[in-house]
Amino acid sequence: MVVTSLAGEFFLNLLEQDRVWVTRDGRRLLLEEMEWSHRRNVLVMLERELRVLYREWLTEFLDEGVTFEELARLGWVAEDPLTGRYRPAGARAWFDRQPLVMRLQALLEPAASGSP
């Protein structure tokens, strides 16, 4: 059995919304009130962790009893023909569709922020 980590679940919950960021010390910040550089740093950190986050997201399905074969039919994993093992597929597309990521990207556009 595979189990989603608490940290993974925390970040996945944040990714599914587009209004707030929660800091390490638990402060909730509205995205619109964050400094441009803070938003950029959050997005860079999330991008650095995107493969881990995607694996955590897939693990939630495995925890619920969804099989690798079902995930492969959805295009979320791909079978390696040489080893027969499944590997995550489509992490970047999944990441770019997350509400938090889309909102951060929109807020970082020069026209939206008036910054660099």
Protein backbone atom coordinates (compact mmCIF):
# COMPACT_ATOMS: atom_id res chain seq x y z
CA MET A 1 0.00 0.00 0.00
CA VAL A 2 1.19 3.51 -0.85
CA VAL A 3 0.42 6.39 1.50
CA THR A 4 0.29 10.10 0.76
CA SER A 5 2.51 12.13 3.08
CA LEU A 6 1.09 14.88 5.29
CA ALA A 7 3.34 17.45 3.62
CA GLY A 8 2.19 16.26 0.20
CA GLU A 9 -1.45 16.48 1.21
CA PHE A 10 -0.89 20.00 2.59
CA PHE A 11 0.63 21.23 -0.67
CA LEU A 12 -1.95 19.44 -2.80
CA ASN A 13 -4.73 21.18 -0.87
CA LEU A 14 -3.02 24.54 -1.48
CA LEU A 15 -2.66 23.80 -5.20
CA GLU A 16 -6.40 23.17 -5.51
CA GLN A 17 -7.33 26.75 -4.59
CA ASP A 18 -6.26 30.16 -5.90
CA ARG A 19 -6.65 32.68 -3.07
CA VAL A 20 -4.06 32.11 -0.34
CA TRP A 21 -0.56 30.92 0.39
CA VAL A 22 0.31 29.46 3.78
CA THR A 23 3.81 30.22 5.05
CA ARG A 24 6.03 27.83 6.99
CA ASP A 25 4.95 29.46 10.24
CA GLY A 26 1.27 29.02 9.36
CA ARG A 27 0.41 32.57 8.29
CA ARG A 28 -2.25 32.75 5.58
CA LEU A 29 -1.46 35.37 2.94
CA LEU A 30 -3.81 36.51 0.23
CA LEU A 31 -2.03 36.12 -3.11
CA GLU A 32 -3.08 39.60 -4.23
CA GLU A 33 -1.47 41.15 -1.14
CA MET A 34 1.85 39.31 -1.45
CA GLU A 35 4.90 41.08 -2.85
CA TRP A 36 5.71 40.25 -6.47
CA SER A 37 9.03 38.66 -5.44
CA HIS A 38 7.29 36.49 -2.81
CA ARG A 39 4.80 35.20 -5.41
CA ARG A 40 7.67 34.45 -7.79
CA ASN A 41 9.59 32.60 -5.05
CA VAL A 42 6.51 30.52 -4.20
CA LEU A 43 6.03 29.56 -7.85
CA VAL A 44 9.73 28.70 -8.26
CA MET A 45 9.60 26.50 -5.14
CA LEU A 46 6.46 24.73 -6.38
CA GLU A 47 8.04 24.19 -9.81
CA ARG A 48 11.11 22.70 -8.13
CA GLU A 49 8.82 20.23 -6.33
CA LEU A 50 6.38 19.56 -9.15
CA ARG A 51 7.45 15.95 -9.79
CA VAL A 52 7.18 15.12 -6.08
CA LEU A 53 3.78 16.84 -5.89
CA TYR A 54 2.58 14.96 -8.97
CA ARG A 55 3.66 11.64 -7.46
CA GLU A 56 1.84 12.55 -4.24
CA TRP A 57 -1.28 13.38 -6.28
CA LEU A 58 -1.07 10.02 -8.07
CA THR A 59 -0.53 8.28 -4.73
CA GLU A 60 -3.90 9.60 -3.53
CA PHE A 61 -5.55 7.61 -6.33
CA LEU A 62 -3.53 4.50 -5.51
CA ASP A 63 -4.53 4.89 -1.85
CA GLU A 64 -8.15 4.81 -3.00
CA GLY A 65 -7.62 1.56 -4.91
CA VAL A 66 -7.20 2.92 -8.45
CA THR A 67 -4.80 0.67 -10.37
CA PHE A 68 -1.76 1.66 -12.40
CA GLU A 69 -3.53 0.32 -15.47
CA GLU A 70 -6.44 2.71 -14.88
CA LEU A 71 -4.02 5.62 -14.38
CA ALA A 72 -2.28 4.63 -17.63
CA ARG A 73 -5.59 4.72 -19.52
CA LEU A 74 -6.03 8.30 -18.27
CA GLY A 75 -2.50 9.18 -19.44
CA TRP A 76 -1.28 9.96 -15.92
CA VAL A 77 1.32 7.18 -15.88
CA ALA A 78 3.08 5.31 -18.67
CA GLU A 79 4.33 1.74 -18.70
CA ASP A 80 8.00 1.22 -19.51
CA PRO A 81 7.95 -1.51 -22.19
CA LEU A 82 11.37 -2.84 -21.12
CA THR A 83 10.68 -3.21 -17.40
CA GLY A 84 6.88 -3.31 -17.25
CA ARG A 85 7.00 -0.69 -14.47
CA TYR A 86 4.82 2.39 -14.50
CA ARG A 87 6.24 5.89 -14.35
CA PRO A 88 4.46 9.22 -13.88
CA ALA A 89 3.57 10.98 -17.15
CA GLY A 90 2.16 14.44 -17.73
CA ALA A 91 3.46 16.13 -14.57
CA ARG A 92 4.01 19.53 -16.21
CA ALA A 93 0.55 19.60 -17.82
CA TRP A 94 -1.04 18.64 -14.49
CA PHE A 95 0.98 21.29 -12.63
CA ASP A 96 0.10 24.06 -15.08
CA ARG A 97 -3.63 23.32 -14.61
CA GLN A 98 -3.58 23.71 -10.82
CA PRO A 99 -5.62 26.74 -9.66
CA LEU A 100 -2.85 28.11 -7.41
CA VAL A 101 -0.25 27.85 -10.18
CA MET A 102 -2.53 29.49 -12.75
CA ARG A 103 -3.29 32.37 -10.37
CA LEU A 104 0.36 32.90 -9.44
CA GLN A 105 1.34 32.90 -13.13
CA ALA A 106 -1.39 35.45 -13.91
CA LEU A 107 -0.30 37.68 -11.04
CA LEU A 108 3.32 37.50 -12.18
CA GLU A 109 2.56 38.72 -15.69
CA PRO A 110 4.02 42.22 -16.07
CA ALA A 111 0.68 43.79 -17.04
CA ALA A 112 -1.03 42.33 -13.95
CA SER A 113 1.55 43.46 -11.41
CA GLY A 114 3.25 46.53 -12.81
CA SER A 115 6.54 44.85 -11.80
CA PRO A 116 9.37 43.23 -13.80
